[in-house]
């Protein structure tokens, strides 16, 4: 895993953000893996739907996308998942 500090444009008050490169592939609400995701895109399948993991009534957005079965414990090879430092 490689951490990279991104810098905001000059004059911006935004703090620096971090990007983490985890590998090549797709993790999306409509499919895990390039082939599954592309097949869903071609069929017009959306991964967006009502929020169901918690009560979202107090939030303005009631729709969200959640990657199916995505967990670093199951999608990363041993030793590749760790917290970024710095």
PDB file of N, CA and C in Angstrom:
ATOM      1  N   UNK A   1       0.855  -1.163   0.000  1.00  0.00           N
ATOM      2  CA  UNK A   1       0.000   0.000   0.000  1.00  0.00           C
ATOM      3  C   UNK A   1       0.901   1.226   0.000  1.00  0.00           C
ATOM      4  N   UNK A   2       0.605   2.174  -0.838  1.00  0.00           N
ATOM      5  CA  UNK A   2       1.424   3.366  -0.955  1.00  0.00           C
ATOM      6  C   UNK A   2       0.592   4.579  -0.625  1.00  0.00           C
ATOM      7  N   UNK A   3       1.030   5.396   0.322  1.00  0.00           N
ATOM      8  CA  UNK A   3       0.323   6.623   0.661  1.00  0.00           C
ATOM      9  C   UNK A   3       0.943   7.796  -0.069  1.00  0.00           C
ATOM     10  N   UNK A   4       0.136   8.678  -0.596  1.00  0.00           N
ATOM     11  CA  UNK A   4       0.611   9.855  -1.307  1.00  0.00           C
ATOM     12  C   UNK A   4      -0.128  11.063  -0.774  1.00  0.00           C
ATOM     13  N   UNK A   5       0.604  12.106  -0.394  1.00  0.00           N
ATOM     14  CA  UNK A   5      -0.034  13.321   0.067  1.00  0.00           C
ATOM     15  C   UNK A   5      -0.383  14.185  -1.134  1.00  0.00           C
ATOM     16  N   UNK A   6      -1.637  14.580  -1.221  1.00  0.00           N
ATOM     17  CA  UNK A   6      -2.105  15.447  -2.297  1.00  0.00           C
ATOM     18  C   UNK A   6      -2.194  16.864  -1.757  1.00  0.00           C
ATOM     19  N   UNK A   7      -1.756  17.826  -2.536  1.00  0.00           N
ATOM     20  CA  UNK A   7      -1.765  19.212  -2.089  1.00  0.00           C
ATOM     21  C   UNK A   7      -2.888  19.979  -2.766  1.00  0.00           C
ATOM     22  N   UNK A   8      -3.580  20.802  -1.973  1.00  0.00           N
ATOM     23  CA  UNK A   8      -4.664  21.633  -2.495  1.00  0.00           C
ATOM     24  C   UNK A   8      -4.076  22.743  -3.369  1.00  0.00           C
ATOM     25  N   UNK A   9      -4.880  23.306  -4.279  1.00  0.00           N
ATOM     26  CA  UNK A   9      -4.402  24.411  -5.114  1.00  0.00           C
ATOM     27  C   UNK A   9      -3.946  25.592  -4.263  1.00  0.00           C
ATOM     28  N   UNK A  10      -3.007  26.363  -4.784  1.00  0.00           N
ATOM     29  CA  UNK A  10      -2.493  27.537  -4.078  1.00  0.00           C
ATOM     30  C   UNK A  10      -3.642  28.456  -3.673  1.00  0.00           C
ATOM     31  N   UNK A  11      -3.615  28.944  -2.445  1.00  0.00           N
ATOM     32  CA  UNK A  11      -4.642  29.834  -1.941  1.00  0.00           C
ATOM     33  C   UNK A  11      -5.837  29.113  -1.345  1.00  0.00           C
ATOM     34  N   UNK A  12      -5.891  27.819  -1.479  1.00  0.00           N
ATOM     35  CA  UNK A  12      -7.004  27.039  -0.945  1.00  0.00           C
ATOM     36  C   UNK A  12      -6.800  26.804   0.546  1.00  0.00           C
ATOM     37  N   UNK A  13      -7.883  26.769   1.292  1.00  0.00           N
ATOM     38  CA  UNK A  13      -7.813  26.505   2.724  1.00  0.00           C
ATOM     39  C   UNK A  13      -7.983  25.028   3.042  1.00  0.00           C
ATOM     40  N   UNK A  14      -8.148  24.215   1.999  1.00  0.00           N
ATOM     41  CA  UNK A  14      -8.368  22.786   2.207  1.00  0.00           C
ATOM     42  C   UNK A  14      -7.104  22.119   2.742  1.00  0.00           C
ATOM     43  N   UNK A  15      -7.252  21.264   3.749  1.00  0.00           N
ATOM     44  CA  UNK A  15      -6.086  20.543   4.264  1.00  0.00           C
ATOM     45  C   UNK A  15      -5.629  19.496   3.254  1.00  0.00           C
ATOM     46  N   UNK A  16      -4.369  19.050   3.353  1.00  0.00           N
ATOM     47  CA  UNK A  16      -3.916  18.003   2.442  1.00  0.00           C
ATOM     48  C   UNK A  16      -4.729  16.723   2.637  1.00  0.00           C
ATOM     49  N   UNK A  17      -4.950  15.999   1.580  1.00  0.00           N
ATOM     50  CA  UNK A  17      -5.669  14.727   1.643  1.00  0.00           C
ATOM     51  C   UNK A  17      -4.684  13.600   1.372  1.00  0.00           C
ATOM     52  N   UNK A  18      -5.064  12.391   1.754  1.00  0.00           N
ATOM     53  CA  UNK A  18      -4.205  11.245   1.480  1.00  0.00           C
ATOM     54  C   UNK A  18      -4.908  10.315   0.515  1.00  0.00           C
ATOM     55  N   UNK A  19      -4.146   9.780  -0.384  1.00  0.00           N
ATOM     56  CA  UNK A  19      -4.663   8.767  -1.307  1.00  0.00           C
ATOM     57  C   UNK A  19      -3.906   7.477  -1.041  1.00  0.00           C
ATOM     58  N   UNK A  20      -4.606   6.378  -1.095  1.00  0.00           N
ATOM     59  CA  UNK A  20      -3.976   5.085  -0.872  1.00  0.00           C
ATOM     60  C   UNK A  20      -4.193   4.225  -2.101  1.00  0.00           C
ATOM     61  N   UNK A  21      -3.103   3.774  -2.675  1.00  0.00           N
ATOM     62  CA  UNK A  21      -3.163   2.888  -3.828  1.00  0.00           C
ATOM     63  C   UNK A  21      -3.182   1.463  -3.289  1.00  0.00           C
ATOM     64  N   UNK A  22      -4.250   0.740  -3.578  1.00  0.00           N
ATOM     65  CA  UNK A  22      -4.402  -0.604  -3.018  1.00  0.00           C
ATOM     66  C   UNK A  22      -4.229  -1.700  -4.055  1.00  0.00           C
ATOM     67  N   UNK A  23      -4.202  -1.355  -5.307  1.00  0.00           N
ATOM     68  CA  UNK A  23      -4.054  -2.370  -6.342  1.00  0.00           C
ATOM     69  C   UNK A  23      -4.835  -2.007  -7.576  1.00  0.00           C
ATOM     70  N   UNK A  24      -4.916  -2.924  -8.479  1.00  0.00           N
ATOM     71  CA  UNK A  24      -5.641  -2.700  -9.722  1.00  0.00           C
ATOM     72  C   UNK A  24      -6.906  -3.543  -9.674  1.00  0.00           C
ATOM     73  N   UNK A  25      -8.022  -2.908  -9.964  1.00  0.00           N
ATOM     74  CA  UNK A  25      -9.285  -3.630  -9.949  1.00  0.00           C
ATOM     75  C   UNK A  25     -10.415  -2.677  -9.657  1.00  0.00           C
ATOM     76  N   UNK A  26     -11.599  -3.218  -9.555  1.00  0.00           N
ATOM     77  CA  UNK A  26     -12.781  -2.396  -9.321  1.00  0.00           C
ATOM     78  C   UNK A  26     -13.490  -2.880  -8.067  1.00  0.00           C
ATOM     79  N   UNK A  27     -13.806  -1.932  -7.202  1.00  0.00           N
ATOM     80  CA  UNK A  27     -14.684  -2.168  -6.067  1.00  0.00           C
ATOM     81  C   UNK A  27     -15.779  -1.128  -6.183  1.00  0.00           C
ATOM     82  N   UNK A  28     -16.947  -1.554  -6.584  1.00  0.00           N
ATOM     83  CA  UNK A  28     -18.047  -0.631  -6.849  1.00  0.00           C
ATOM     84  C   UNK A  28     -19.351  -1.236  -6.348  1.00  0.00           C
ATOM     85  N   UNK A  29     -20.352  -0.398  -6.099  1.00  0.00           N
ATOM     86  CA  UNK A  29     -21.645  -0.912  -5.620  1.00  0.00           C
ATOM     87  C   UNK A  29     -22.307  -1.899  -6.576  1.00  0.00           C
ATOM     88  N   UNK A  30     -21.976  -1.840  -7.850  1.00  0.00           N
ATOM     89  CA  UNK A  30     -22.605  -2.764  -8.794  1.00  0.00           C
ATOM     90  C   UNK A  30     -21.670  -3.902  -9.215  1.00  0.00           C
ATOM     91  N   UNK A  31     -20.622  -4.150  -8.445  1.00  0.00           N
ATOM     92  CA  UNK A  31     -19.797  -5.317  -8.734  1.00  0.00           C
ATOM     93  C   UNK A  31     -18.383  -5.220  -8.212  1.00  0.00           C
ATOM     94  N   UNK A  32     -17.876  -6.347  -7.762  1.00  0.00           N
ATOM     95  CA  UNK A  32     -16.475  -6.460  -7.349  1.00  0.00           C
ATOM     96  C   UNK A  32     -15.709  -7.153  -8.462  1.00  0.00           C
ATOM     97  N   UNK A  33     -14.626  -6.549  -8.890  1.00  0.00           N
ATOM     98  CA  UNK A  33     -13.838  -7.113  -9.977  1.00  0.00           C
ATOM     99  C   UNK A  33     -14.243  -6.514 -11.305  1.00  0.00           C
ATOM    100  N   UNK A  34     -13.276  -6.415 -12.179  1.00  0.00           N
ATOM    101  CA  UNK A  34     -13.488  -5.750 -13.460  1.00  0.00           C
ATOM    102  C   UNK A  34     -14.585  -6.403 -14.291  1.00  0.00           C
ATOM    103  N   UNK A  35     -14.548  -7.728 -14.418  1.00  0.00           N
ATOM    104  CA  UNK A  35     -15.531  -8.405 -15.273  1.00  0.00           C
ATOM    105  C   UNK A  35     -16.950  -8.264 -14.730  1.00  0.00           C
ATOM    106  N   UNK A  36     -17.125  -8.453 -13.423  1.00  0.00           N
ATOM    107  CA  UNK A  36     -18.458  -8.337 -12.812  1.00  0.00           C
ATOM    108  C   UNK A  36     -18.988  -6.918 -12.949  1.00  0.00           C
ATOM    109  N   UNK A  37     -18.142  -5.938 -12.657  1.00  0.00           N
ATOM    110  CA  UNK A  37     -18.545  -4.530 -12.739  1.00  0.00           C
ATOM    111  C   UNK A  37     -18.906  -4.150 -14.182  1.00  0.00           C
ATOM    112  N   UNK A  38     -18.056  -4.513 -15.139  1.00  0.00           N
ATOM    113  CA  UNK A  38     -18.313  -4.123 -16.528  1.00  0.00           C
ATOM    114  C   UNK A  38     -19.585  -4.779 -17.046  1.00  0.00           C
ATOM    115  N   UNK A  39     -19.830  -6.024 -16.665  1.00  0.00           N
ATOM    116  CA  UNK A  39     -21.068  -6.696 -17.056  1.00  0.00           C
ATOM    117  C   UNK A  39     -22.280  -5.943 -16.504  1.00  0.00           C
ATOM    118  N   UNK A  40     -22.205  -5.506 -15.256  1.00  0.00           N
ATOM    119  CA  UNK A  40     -23.310  -4.744 -14.647  1.00  0.00           C
ATOM    120  C   UNK A  40     -23.509  -3.413 -15.369  1.00  0.00           C
ATOM    121  N   UNK A  41     -22.421  -2.745 -15.703  1.00  0.00           N
ATOM    122  CA  UNK A  41     -22.517  -1.467 -16.426  1.00  0.00           C
ATOM    123  C   UNK A  41     -23.200  -1.677 -17.774  1.00  0.00           C
ATOM    124  N   UNK A  42     -22.795  -2.702 -18.483  1.00  0.00           N
ATOM    125  CA  UNK A  42     -23.377  -2.968 -19.808  1.00  0.00           C
ATOM    126  C   UNK A  42     -24.856  -3.316 -19.733  1.00  0.00           C
ATOM    127  N   UNK A  43     -25.273  -3.944 -18.637  1.00  0.00           N
ATOM    128  CA  UNK A  43     -26.696  -4.283 -18.447  1.00  0.00           C
ATOM    129  C   UNK A  43     -27.483  -3.113 -17.867  1.00  0.00           C
ATOM    130  N   UNK A  44     -26.801  -2.024 -17.503  1.00  0.00           N
ATOM    131  CA  UNK A  44     -27.482  -0.874 -16.914  1.00  0.00           C
ATOM    132  C   UNK A  44     -27.833  -1.072 -15.448  1.00  0.00           C
ATOM    133  N   UNK A  45     -27.162  -2.010 -14.781  1.00  0.00           N
ATOM    134  CA  UNK A  45     -27.448  -2.291 -13.375  1.00  0.00           C
ATOM    135  C   UNK A  45     -26.777  -1.240 -12.486  1.00  0.00           C
ATOM    136  N   UNK A  46     -27.566  -0.615 -11.655  1.00  0.00           N
ATOM    137  CA  UNK A  46     -27.058   0.376 -10.703  1.00  0.00           C
ATOM    138  C   UNK A  46     -26.818  -0.285  -9.353  1.00  0.00           C
ATOM    139  N   UNK A  47     -25.856   0.211  -8.629  1.00  0.00           N
ATOM    140  CA  UNK A  47     -25.617  -0.277  -7.280  1.00  0.00           C
ATOM    141  C   UNK A  47     -26.157   0.686  -6.240  1.00  0.00           C
ATOM    142  N   UNK A  48     -26.874   1.690  -6.674  1.00  0.00           N
ATOM    143  CA  UNK A  48     -27.413   2.705  -5.769  1.00  0.00           C
ATOM    144  C   UNK A  48     -28.805   2.287  -5.325  1.00  0.00           C
ATOM    145  N   UNK A  49     -29.078   2.446  -4.030  1.00  0.00           N
ATOM    146  CA  UNK A  49     -30.391   2.080  -3.514  1.00  0.00           C
ATOM    147  C   UNK A  49     -30.617   2.686  -2.144  1.00  0.00           C
ATOM    148  N   UNK A  50     -31.739   2.400  -1.540  1.00  0.00           N
ATOM    149  CA  UNK A  50     -32.032   2.939  -0.208  1.00  0.00           C
ATOM    150  C   UNK A  50     -30.997   2.483   0.815  1.00  0.00           C
ATOM    151  N   UNK A  51     -30.653   3.376   1.715  1.00  0.00           N
ATOM    152  CA  UNK A  51     -29.716   3.042   2.793  1.00  0.00           C
ATOM    153  C   UNK A  51     -30.411   2.063   3.727  1.00  0.00           C
ATOM    154  N   UNK A  52     -29.732   0.956   3.994  1.00  0.00           N
ATOM    155  CA  UNK A  52     -30.363  -0.081   4.803  1.00  0.00           C
ATOM    156  C   UNK A  52     -29.513  -0.533   5.995  1.00  0.00           C
ATOM    157  N   UNK A  53     -28.284  -0.073   6.100  1.00  0.00           N
ATOM    158  CA  UNK A  53     -27.406  -0.531   7.177  1.00  0.00           C
ATOM    159  C   UNK A  53     -27.606   0.238   8.478  1.00  0.00           C
ATOM    160  N   UNK A  54     -28.285   1.391   8.391  1.00  0.00           N
ATOM    161  CA  UNK A  54     -28.580   2.195   9.581  1.00  0.00           C
ATOM    162  C   UNK A  54     -29.776   3.085   9.266  1.00  0.00           C
ATOM    163  N   UNK A  55     -30.330   3.698  10.292  1.00  0.00           N
ATOM    164  CA  UNK A  55     -31.474   4.593  10.115  1.00  0.00           C
ATOM    165  C   UNK A  55     -30.977   5.920   9.553  1.00  0.00           C
ATOM    166  N   UNK A  56     -31.300   6.207   8.309  1.00  0.00           N
ATOM    167  CA  UNK A  56     -30.813   7.409   7.636  1.00  0.00           C
ATOM    168  C   UNK A  56     -31.857   8.519   7.586  1.00  0.00           C
ATOM    169  N   UNK A  57     -32.927   8.381   8.348  1.00  0.00           N
ATOM    170  CA  UNK A  57     -34.014   9.369   8.285  1.00  0.00           C
ATOM    171  C   UNK A  57     -33.574  10.791   8.618  1.00  0.00           C
ATOM    172  N   UNK A  58     -32.558  10.951   9.434  1.00  0.00           N
ATOM    173  CA  UNK A  58     -32.135  12.310   9.818  1.00  0.00           C
ATOM    174  C   UNK A  58     -31.132  12.926   8.842  1.00  0.00           C
ATOM    175  N   UNK A  59     -30.784  12.190   7.793  1.00  0.00           N
ATOM    176  CA  UNK A  59     -29.836  12.690   6.796  1.00  0.00           C
ATOM    177  C   UNK A  59     -30.584  13.108   5.537  1.00  0.00           C
ATOM    178  N   UNK A  60     -30.058  14.098   4.797  1.00  0.00           N
ATOM    179  CA  UNK A  60     -30.743  14.552   3.588  1.00  0.00           C
ATOM    180  C   UNK A  60     -30.712  13.529   2.450  1.00  0.00           C
ATOM    181  N   UNK A  61     -29.699  12.675   2.421  1.00  0.00           N
ATOM    182  CA  UNK A  61     -29.601  11.656   1.371  1.00  0.00           C
ATOM    183  C   UNK A  61     -30.114  10.324   1.902  1.00  0.00           C
ATOM    184  N   UNK A  62     -31.013   9.727   1.181  1.00  0.00           N
ATOM    185  CA  UNK A  62     -31.561   8.439   1.597  1.00  0.00           C
ATOM    186  C   UNK A  62     -31.100   7.302   0.691  1.00  0.00           C
ATOM    187  N   UNK A  63     -30.342   7.639  -0.353  1.00  0.00           N
ATOM    188  CA  UNK A  63     -29.798   6.646  -1.271  1.00  0.00           C
ATOM    189  C   UNK A  63     -28.280   6.628  -1.157  1.00  0.00           C
ATOM    190  N   UNK A  64     -27.700   5.471  -1.373  1.00  0.00           N
ATOM    191  CA  UNK A  64     -26.247   5.342  -1.316  1.00  0.00           C
ATOM    192  C   UNK A  64     -25.821   4.107  -2.099  1.00  0.00           C
ATOM    193  N   UNK A  65     -24.550   4.009  -2.324  1.00  0.00           N
ATOM    194  CA  UNK A  65     -23.979   2.818  -2.946  1.00  0.00           C
ATOM    195  C   UNK A  65     -23.032   2.164  -1.962  1.00  0.00           C
ATOM    196  N   UNK A  66     -23.163   0.870  -1.795  1.00  0.00           N
ATOM    197  CA  UNK A  66     -22.299   0.117  -0.884  1.00  0.00           C
ATOM    198  C   UNK A  66     -21.733  -1.054  -1.658  1.00  0.00           C
ATOM    199  N   UNK A  67     -20.430  -1.208  -1.612  1.00  0.00           N
ATOM    200  CA  UNK A  67     -19.800  -2.314  -2.327  1.00  0.00           C
ATOM    201  C   UNK A  67     -20.173  -3.630  -1.673  1.00  0.00           C
ATOM    202  N   UNK A  68     -20.659  -4.562  -2.462  1.00  0.00           N
ATOM    203  CA  UNK A  68     -21.101  -5.842  -1.902  1.00  0.00           C
ATOM    204  C   UNK A  68     -19.930  -6.671  -1.387  1.00  0.00           C
ATOM    205  N   UNK A  69     -20.090  -7.207  -0.212  1.00  0.00           N
ATOM    206  CA  UNK A  69     -19.096  -8.116   0.358  1.00  0.00           C
ATOM    207  C   UNK A  69     -17.676  -7.576   0.335  1.00  0.00           C
ATOM    208  N   UNK A  70     -17.513  -6.261   0.407  1.00  0.00           N
ATOM    209  CA  UNK A  70     -16.153  -5.725   0.376  1.00  0.00           C
ATOM    210  C   UNK A  70     -15.623  -5.592   1.793  1.00  0.00           C
ATOM    211  N   UNK A  71     -14.574  -6.286   2.046  1.00  0.00           N
ATOM    212  CA  UNK A  71     -13.896  -6.242   3.331  1.00  0.00           C
ATOM    213  C   UNK A  71     -12.417  -6.457   3.066  1.00  0.00           C
ATOM    214  N   UNK A  72     -11.555  -5.625   3.635  1.00  0.00           N
ATOM    215  CA  UNK A  72     -10.124  -5.844   3.425  1.00  0.00           C
ATOM    216  C   UNK A  72      -9.695  -7.256   3.819  1.00  0.00           C
ATOM    217  N   UNK A  73     -10.375  -7.841   4.789  1.00  0.00           N
ATOM    218  CA  UNK A  73     -10.003  -9.189   5.223  1.00  0.00           C
ATOM    219  C   UNK A  73     -10.252 -10.243   4.152  1.00  0.00           C
ATOM    220  N   UNK A  74     -11.214  -9.984   3.259  1.00  0.00           N
ATOM    221  CA  UNK A  74     -11.519 -10.981   2.233  1.00  0.00           C
ATOM    222  C   UNK A  74     -11.028 -10.588   0.843  1.00  0.00           C
ATOM    223  N   UNK A  75     -10.764  -9.304   0.605  1.00  0.00           N
ATOM    224  CA  UNK A  75     -10.375  -8.887  -0.738  1.00  0.00           C
ATOM    225  C   UNK A  75      -8.895  -8.568  -0.884  1.00  0.00           C
ATOM    226  N   UNK A  76      -8.161  -8.475   0.211  1.00  0.00           N
ATOM    227  CA  UNK A  76      -6.721  -8.203   0.144  1.00  0.00           C
ATOM    228  C   UNK A  76      -5.944  -9.475   0.465  1.00  0.00           C
ATOM    229  N   UNK A  77      -4.800  -9.591  -0.177  1.00  0.00           N
ATOM    230  CA  UNK A  77      -3.947 -10.735   0.188  1.00  0.00           C
ATOM    231  C   UNK A  77      -3.302 -10.458   1.546  1.00  0.00           C
ATOM    232  N   UNK A  78      -2.865 -11.481   2.202  1.00  0.00           N
ATOM    233  CA  UNK A  78      -2.308 -11.373   3.558  1.00  0.00           C
ATOM    234  C   UNK A  78      -1.167 -10.353   3.582  1.00  0.00           C
ATOM    235  N   UNK A  79      -1.205  -9.495   4.563  1.00  0.00           N
ATOM    236  CA  UNK A  79      -0.137  -8.521   4.775  1.00  0.00           C
ATOM    237  C   UNK A  79      -0.232  -7.254   3.975  1.00  0.00           C
ATOM    238  N   UNK A  80      -1.192  -7.133   3.043  1.00  0.00           N
ATOM    239  CA  UNK A  80      -1.237  -5.926   2.210  1.00  0.00           C
ATOM    240  C   UNK A  80      -2.061  -4.820   2.857  1.00  0.00           C
ATOM    241  N   UNK A  81      -2.912  -5.153   3.820  1.00  0.00           N
ATOM    242  CA  UNK A  81      -3.792  -4.151   4.417  1.00  0.00           C
ATOM    243  C   UNK A  81      -3.217  -3.679   5.738  1.00  0.00           C
ATOM    244  N   UNK A  82      -2.952  -2.411   5.807  1.00  0.00           N
ATOM    245  CA  UNK A  82      -2.480  -1.814   7.049  1.00  0.00           C
ATOM    246  C   UNK A  82      -2.862  -0.344   7.039  1.00  0.00           C
ATOM    247  N   UNK A  83      -2.851   0.251   8.206  1.00  0.00           N
ATOM    248  CA  UNK A  83      -3.197   1.675   8.302  1.00  0.00           C
ATOM    249  C   UNK A  83      -2.069   2.518   7.719  1.00  0.00           C
ATOM    250  N   UNK A  84      -2.435   3.586   6.972  1.00  0.00           N
ATOM    251  CA  UNK A  84      -1.378   4.476   6.468  1.00  0.00           C
ATOM    252  C   UNK A  84      -0.700   5.186   7.613  1.00  0.00           C
ATOM    253  N   UNK A  85       0.551   5.494   7.448  1.00  0.00           N
ATOM    254  CA  UNK A  85       1.300   6.215   8.479  1.00  0.00           C
ATOM    255  C   UNK A  85       1.583   7.624   7.997  1.00  0.00           C
ATOM    256  N   UNK A  86       1.869   8.487   8.948  1.00  0.00           N
ATOM    257  CA  UNK A  86       2.261   9.848   8.594  1.00  0.00           C
ATOM    258  C   UNK A  86       1.187  10.771   8.645  1.00  0.00           C
TER     259      UNK A  86
END
